[in-house]
Protein backbone atom coordinates (compact mmCIF):
# COMPACT_ATOMS: atom_id res chain seq x y z
CA MET A 1 45.04 -55.07 34.65
CA GLU A 2 42.60 -53.02 33.06
CA ARG A 3 39.15 -53.44 33.78
CA LYS A 4 36.65 -54.22 30.97
CA LEU A 5 33.93 -52.04 30.04
CA ARG A 6 30.42 -53.30 31.21
CA THR A 7 26.90 -52.31 30.38
CA GLY A 8 23.50 -52.53 32.22
CA GLU A 9 20.22 -51.46 32.75
CA TRP A 10 18.60 -49.52 35.80
CA ASN A 11 15.17 -50.06 35.89
CA THR A 12 12.93 -47.16 36.60
CA ALA A 13 9.09 -46.61 37.10
CA GLN A 14 8.09 -46.73 33.72
CA GLY A 15 11.31 -47.43 31.66
CA CYS A 16 15.27 -47.81 32.19
CA LEU A 17 18.41 -46.27 32.33
CA THR A 18 21.17 -47.72 30.66
CA TYR A 19 24.61 -47.42 32.06
CA ALA A 20 28.42 -48.52 31.56
CA VAL A 21 30.84 -49.23 34.23
CA ASN A 22 34.64 -48.52 33.61
CA GLU A 23 37.31 -48.33 36.11
CA GLU A 24 34.76 -48.49 39.03
CA ARG A 25 32.69 -45.54 37.84
CA VAL A 26 29.42 -45.46 36.20
CA GLU A 27 28.23 -43.50 33.10
CA ILE A 28 24.46 -43.24 32.33
CA THR A 29 24.56 -43.83 28.49
CA GLY A 30 20.84 -43.44 27.79
CA SER A 31 17.07 -43.77 28.61
CA ARG A 32 14.11 -45.47 27.31
CA GLY A 33 10.44 -45.66 28.50
CA ARG A 34 7.94 -43.01 29.56
CA ASP A 35 9.14 -41.75 32.80
CA THR A 36 8.42 -37.81 33.11
CA VAL A 37 10.89 -37.82 36.01
CA PHE A 38 14.23 -39.61 36.36
CA THR A 39 16.52 -39.44 39.86
CA ILE A 40 19.59 -40.56 38.94
CA PRO A 41 21.06 -42.79 41.33
CA ALA A 42 24.42 -41.95 43.33
CA GLN A 43 25.55 -45.66 43.01
CA ILE A 44 25.07 -48.59 40.79
CA GLU A 45 26.60 -52.00 41.37
CA GLY A 46 28.15 -50.33 44.31
CA TYR A 47 30.33 -47.77 42.15
CA PRO A 48 29.78 -43.88 42.21
CA VAL A 49 27.73 -42.59 39.27
CA THR A 50 30.04 -39.54 37.87
CA GLY A 51 28.99 -38.81 34.29
CA ILE A 52 25.79 -38.49 31.84
CA GLY A 53 27.28 -39.76 28.63
CA LYS A 54 26.97 -38.35 24.85
CA LYS A 55 23.12 -37.94 23.98
CA ALA A 56 22.03 -39.77 27.16
CA PHE A 57 18.52 -38.17 27.19
CA LEU A 58 18.95 -36.63 23.55
CA GLY A 59 15.17 -36.09 22.13
CA ASN A 60 13.38 -37.87 25.19
CA LYS A 61 9.79 -36.74 24.32
CA ALA A 62 8.38 -37.44 27.87
CA VAL A 63 11.01 -36.07 30.43
CA LYS A 64 9.98 -32.90 32.67
CA GLU A 65 12.50 -33.03 35.21
CA ILE A 66 15.78 -34.81 35.98
CA ALA A 67 17.91 -34.86 39.40
CA LEU A 68 21.43 -35.65 39.38
CA PRO A 69 23.31 -36.64 42.35
CA GLY A 70 26.21 -35.08 44.34
CA THR A 71 28.56 -37.42 42.62
CA ILE A 72 28.41 -36.19 39.00
CA ARG A 73 31.69 -34.92 37.52
CA GLN A 74 30.93 -34.74 33.73
CA ILE A 75 27.91 -34.12 31.31
CA ASP A 76 28.89 -35.08 27.61
CA ASP A 77 27.83 -33.37 24.65
CA TRP A 78 24.02 -33.03 23.73
CA ALA A 79 23.33 -35.21 27.20
CA PHE A 80 19.69 -33.39 27.51
CA ALA A 81 19.42 -31.74 24.03
CA CYS A 82 15.90 -31.36 22.42
CA CYS A 83 14.16 -32.72 25.35
CA ALA A 84 10.97 -30.47 24.67
CA LYS A 85 9.15 -31.00 27.87
CA LEU A 86 12.33 -30.55 30.27
CA THR A 87 11.60 -27.98 32.89
CA LYS A 88 13.65 -28.62 35.71
CA ILE A 89 17.20 -29.68 35.91
CA ILE A 90 18.63 -30.56 39.68
CA LEU A 91 22.33 -30.87 40.13
CA PRO A 92 25.23 -29.90 42.17
CA TYR A 93 26.54 -26.38 41.92
CA ARG A 94 30.22 -27.63 41.61
CA LYS A 95 33.08 -28.07 39.12
CA MET A 96 32.49 -30.46 36.49
CA GLU A 97 33.52 -31.08 32.82
CA LEU A 98 30.79 -29.94 30.69
CA GLY A 99 30.28 -30.75 27.01
CA GLN A 100 28.53 -28.78 23.92
CA GLY A 101 24.89 -28.28 23.37
CA ILE A 102 24.08 -30.00 26.74
CA PHE A 103 20.62 -28.13 26.81
CA ARG A 104 20.20 -27.45 23.10
CA ASP A 105 16.66 -26.89 22.08
CA CYS A 106 15.68 -27.26 25.56
CA PHE A 107 12.74 -24.66 24.94
CA SER A 108 10.73 -25.36 28.11
CA LEU A 109 13.70 -25.28 30.61
CA ALA A 110 12.74 -22.82 33.51
CA GLN A 111 15.13 -24.18 36.29
CA ILE A 112 18.77 -25.43 36.89
CA MET A 113 18.42 -25.92 40.60
CA ASP A 114 21.28 -26.68 42.91
CA GLY A 115 20.57 -29.87 44.53
CA GLU A 116 22.98 -29.39 47.28
CA ALA A 117 21.85 -25.82 48.39
CA GLU A 118 20.01 -26.00 51.81
CA GLY A 119 16.50 -24.45 51.89
CA GLN A 120 16.48 -23.00 48.54
CA GLY A 121 16.03 -19.20 49.81
CA LYS A 122 14.99 -16.48 47.46
CA LYS A 123 18.65 -15.91 46.24
CA MET A 124 19.29 -19.38 45.22
CA THR A 125 15.78 -19.83 43.78
CA ASP A 126 16.33 -16.58 41.53
CA VAL A 127 19.70 -18.09 40.60
CA SER A 128 17.96 -21.45 39.53
CA TYR A 129 15.46 -19.47 36.98
CA LEU A 130 18.41 -17.14 35.78
CA MET A 131 20.72 -20.02 35.00
CA ALA A 132 18.09 -21.54 33.06
CA ALA A 133 17.38 -18.37 31.16
CA ALA A 134 20.97 -17.97 30.35
CA VAL A 135 21.31 -21.16 28.38
CA ARG A 136 17.75 -21.18 27.16
CA ALA A 137 17.09 -17.57 25.74
CA LEU A 138 20.22 -15.40 26.37
CA ASP A 139 22.47 -17.63 24.24
CA ALA A 140 25.12 -17.36 27.24
CA PHE A 141 26.33 -20.58 28.04
CA TYR A 142 29.18 -18.93 29.82
CA LEU A 143 27.02 -18.35 32.60
CA PHE A 144 26.36 -21.81 33.19
CA ASP A 145 29.19 -21.56 35.70
CA LEU A 146 28.46 -23.60 38.55
CA GLU A 147 31.35 -22.70 40.79
CA THR A 148 30.29 -18.82 40.42
CA ALA A 149 26.45 -18.82 39.97
CA GLY A 150 25.10 -16.63 42.75
CA ASN A 151 27.94 -14.49 43.43
CA GLU A 152 27.78 -10.44 42.98
CA GLU A 153 29.95 -11.02 39.82
CA TRP A 154 27.86 -13.70 38.18
CA PHE A 155 24.62 -11.64 38.37
CA ALA A 156 26.56 -8.69 37.06
CA ARG A 157 27.52 -10.59 33.94
CA TRP A 158 24.07 -12.09 33.60
CA ASP A 159 22.65 -8.48 33.40
CA VAL A 160 25.34 -7.15 31.01
CA ARG A 161 24.39 -10.09 28.70
CA LEU A 162 20.56 -8.91 29.03
CA ARG A 163 21.23 -5.28 28.35
CA ALA A 164 22.70 -6.43 25.10
CA VAL A 165 19.99 -8.50 24.34
CA MET A 166 17.45 -5.94 25.17
CA GLU A 167 19.43 -3.28 23.06
CA THR A 168 19.55 -5.10 19.84
CA PRO A 169 17.24 -3.85 17.19
CA ASP A 170 14.37 -6.55 16.65
CA ALA A 171 15.40 -6.53 13.06
CA GLU A 172 18.94 -7.53 13.59
CA GLY A 173 19.60 -10.76 12.27
CA PHE A 174 16.58 -11.35 9.91
CA SER A 175 18.60 -10.80 6.89
CA LYS A 176 21.26 -13.25 7.67
CA MET A 177 18.45 -15.73 8.33
CA LEU A 178 16.92 -15.39 4.92
CA LEU A 179 20.36 -15.33 3.59
CA CYS A 180 21.45 -18.76 5.38
CA GLY A 181 18.14 -20.35 4.29
CA GLU A 182 17.21 -21.12 8.09
CA GLU A 183 13.22 -20.97 7.37
CA ASP A 184 11.58 -22.01 4.34
CA TYR A 185 10.90 -19.76 1.55
CA GLY A 186 7.54 -18.13 1.82
CA SER A 187 6.94 -19.63 5.69
CA ARG A 188 5.52 -17.00 8.11
CA GLU A 189 9.06 -16.81 9.68
CA ASN A 190 10.15 -15.03 6.31
CA ASN A 191 8.05 -12.10 7.26
CA LEU A 192 9.72 -9.21 8.94
CA ASP A 193 7.09 -8.32 11.04
CA HIS A 194 6.48 -11.78 12.68
CA TYR A 195 10.38 -11.96 13.05
CA MET A 196 10.32 -8.73 15.06
CA GLY A 197 7.36 -9.73 16.76
CA GLN A 198 9.13 -12.81 18.35
CA GLN A 199 11.90 -10.80 18.88
CA ARG A 200 10.01 -8.51 21.19
CA ARG A 201 8.48 -11.58 22.71
CA LYS A 202 11.96 -12.94 23.59
CA LYS A 203 12.77 -9.72 25.21
CA VAL A 204 9.37 -9.61 27.39
CA ARG A 205 10.25 -13.17 28.41
CA LEU A 206 13.80 -12.25 29.75
CA ALA A 207 12.10 -8.82 31.06
CA MET A 208 9.83 -10.60 33.25
CA CYS A 209 12.16 -13.27 34.33
CA ARG A 210 14.95 -10.72 35.82
CA LEU A 211 12.24 -8.78 37.14
CA MET A 212 10.52 -11.57 38.87
CA HIS A 213 13.77 -13.00 40.12
CA ASP A 214 15.26 -9.58 41.13
CA THR A 215 18.15 -10.22 43.47
CA LEU A 216 20.96 -7.84 42.94
CA LEU A 217 19.14 -6.27 40.04
CA LEU A 218 20.22 -2.50 39.84
CA PRO A 219 17.49 0.24 39.79
CA LYS A 220 18.40 1.65 36.53
CA ASP A 221 17.91 -2.07 35.19
CA ARG A 222 14.39 -2.35 36.85
CA GLU A 223 13.55 0.86 35.38
CA MET A 224 14.52 0.05 31.87
CA LEU A 225 13.08 -3.42 32.04
CA THR A 226 9.70 -2.15 33.35
CA ALA A 227 9.50 0.46 30.74
CA TYR A 228 10.11 -2.06 27.95
CA LEU A 229 7.05 -4.08 29.29
CA LEU A 230 4.83 -1.50 29.68
CA SER A 231 5.65 -0.22 26.12
CA HIS A 232 4.06 -3.43 24.72
CA ARG A 233 1.15 -3.95 27.40
CA LYS A 234 -2.33 -4.50 25.95
CA GLY A 235 -3.52 -1.34 24.19
CA GLN A 236 -0.41 -0.31 22.98
CA GLU A 237 1.08 -0.64 19.44
CA THR A 238 2.18 -3.83 19.58
CA GLU A 239 1.07 -6.08 22.72
CA GLU A 240 3.98 -8.64 23.27
CA THR A 241 3.61 -8.04 27.02
CA TRP A 242 0.28 -9.21 27.33
CA GLN A 243 0.29 -11.80 24.37
CA VAL A 244 3.23 -13.62 26.36
CA VAL A 245 1.24 -13.63 29.60
CA LEU A 246 -1.85 -14.82 27.88
CA GLU A 247 -0.76 -17.52 25.63
CA GLU A 248 2.13 -18.94 27.58
CA TYR A 249 1.10 -18.30 31.26
CA GLY A 250 -2.84 -18.34 30.73
CA ASP A 251 -3.47 -19.82 34.17
CA ASP A 252 -0.56 -18.94 36.10
CA ILE A 253 -1.83 -15.92 38.83
CA SER A 254 1.49 -15.14 39.39
CA TYR A 255 1.93 -13.40 36.00
CA TYR A 256 -1.15 -11.40 36.54
CA ARG A 257 -0.09 -10.31 39.68
CA PHE A 258 2.94 -9.26 38.26
CA LEU A 259 1.24 -7.13 35.45
CA THR A 260 -0.53 -5.40 38.18
CA GLU A 261 2.32 -4.46 40.21
CA ILE A 262 4.08 -3.11 37.54
CA GLY A 263 1.03 -1.06 36.31
CA ALA A 264 0.31 -3.06 33.03
CA VAL A 265 -3.45 -3.20 33.76
CA ASP A 266 -5.25 0.11 33.83
CA LYS A 267 -8.65 1.50 33.22
CA GLU A 268 -8.09 1.86 29.46
CA ASN A 269 -7.28 -1.78 28.92
CA PHE A 270 -8.99 -3.73 31.37
CA GLN A 271 -12.01 -4.37 29.21
CA ALA A 272 -9.90 -5.67 26.26
CA MET A 273 -7.89 -7.98 28.80
CA LEU A 274 -11.02 -9.48 30.16
CA ALA A 275 -12.41 -9.79 26.57
CA ASP A 276 -9.06 -11.75 25.46
CA LEU A 277 -9.40 -14.05 28.35
CA GLY A 278 -12.72 -15.33 26.66
CA GLU A 279 -15.06 -17.95 28.67
CA GLY A 280 -12.13 -19.60 30.62
CA HIS A 281 -9.30 -18.48 32.67
CA THR A 282 -12.01 -18.07 35.54
CA GLU A 283 -9.75 -17.08 38.61
CA MET A 284 -7.44 -14.94 36.34
CA LYS A 285 -10.53 -12.91 35.51
CA ALA A 286 -11.82 -12.74 38.88
CA TYR A 287 -8.53 -11.36 39.94
CA LEU A 288 -8.32 -8.62 37.50
CA MET A 289 -11.79 -7.46 38.04
CA GLU A 290 -11.01 -7.21 41.78
CA TYR A 291 -8.01 -5.02 41.02
CA TYR A 292 -9.81 -3.25 38.55
CA ASP A 293 -12.52 -2.52 41.39
CA SER A 294 -9.43 -1.23 43.65
CA LEU A 295 -8.54 1.29 40.88
CA ARG A 296 -12.11 2.63 40.66
CA ALA A 297 -12.31 2.85 44.29
CA GLY A 298 -9.06 4.69 44.51
CA GLU A 299 -10.50 7.41 42.06
CA ASP A 300 -14.04 7.58 43.58
CA PRO A 301 -14.65 6.03 47.08
CA PHE A 302 -18.03 5.02 46.01
CA ALA A 303 -17.38 3.81 42.53
CA ALA A 304 -16.95 0.17 43.72
CA PHE A 305 -20.57 0.28 44.97
CA ILE A 306 -22.02 1.68 41.75
CA LEU A 307 -23.44 -1.22 39.29
């Protein structure tokens, strides 16, 4: 005799998860409340939680992190789509059925972590960031391959896609956007210069992501990505490298260290960068000033002592 579908609610700290039980399996069907972190239980009513249903978290405005149990075997269409603040997903890197648009318009998604990886060493940490970038910015959902993620071929496929994006002309797609009416007539997005600037920002984000998570990165790709970032540092004709760091990672010192490591801070642009930082960002300014002092000291052993 076929078991009837049964529904219920699983209480969370500031809301609940809705679920359905069918054939001794549980599917999460929705979420309500103000929780910023969801840890999906492995069992509900004694049955394994094996699926995340269609649109289960669609448009959730509060959630920042979701952890899925190792029992998950299926994620349906648009399950996490349009979660604007979602930054991290934790799930098992194993075969499962995946629907379309799972992470559509999750613009803040930074990590897709393997919940069963022990220790999360550099390699798997790098994979978690690159996996998120693949679905968020590379338009390469085929790289959301939980069975091969982290092997040599997966990294190679990621880099092939990255090179294709980096080599795409900045103006490509602009005419199609206008013809398809994807933006309102007369809006800033209809301006070619603005469009090209946004394309450069996209490339900057991707280049920084790969260089900062550089497992199995080929020397020729490292050189190409570094050269791109330097060509758009502060003081160049276009400054998207600096603009992305300042506007999107303004108080994350790891990005300022990264800029100094690749040579994007120099004697010519240092003062202008400090001016852009304004009255705030105290720690960032202190770091840049210390780095600048080291540059001066490298030229003249006594320069650092001259006020």
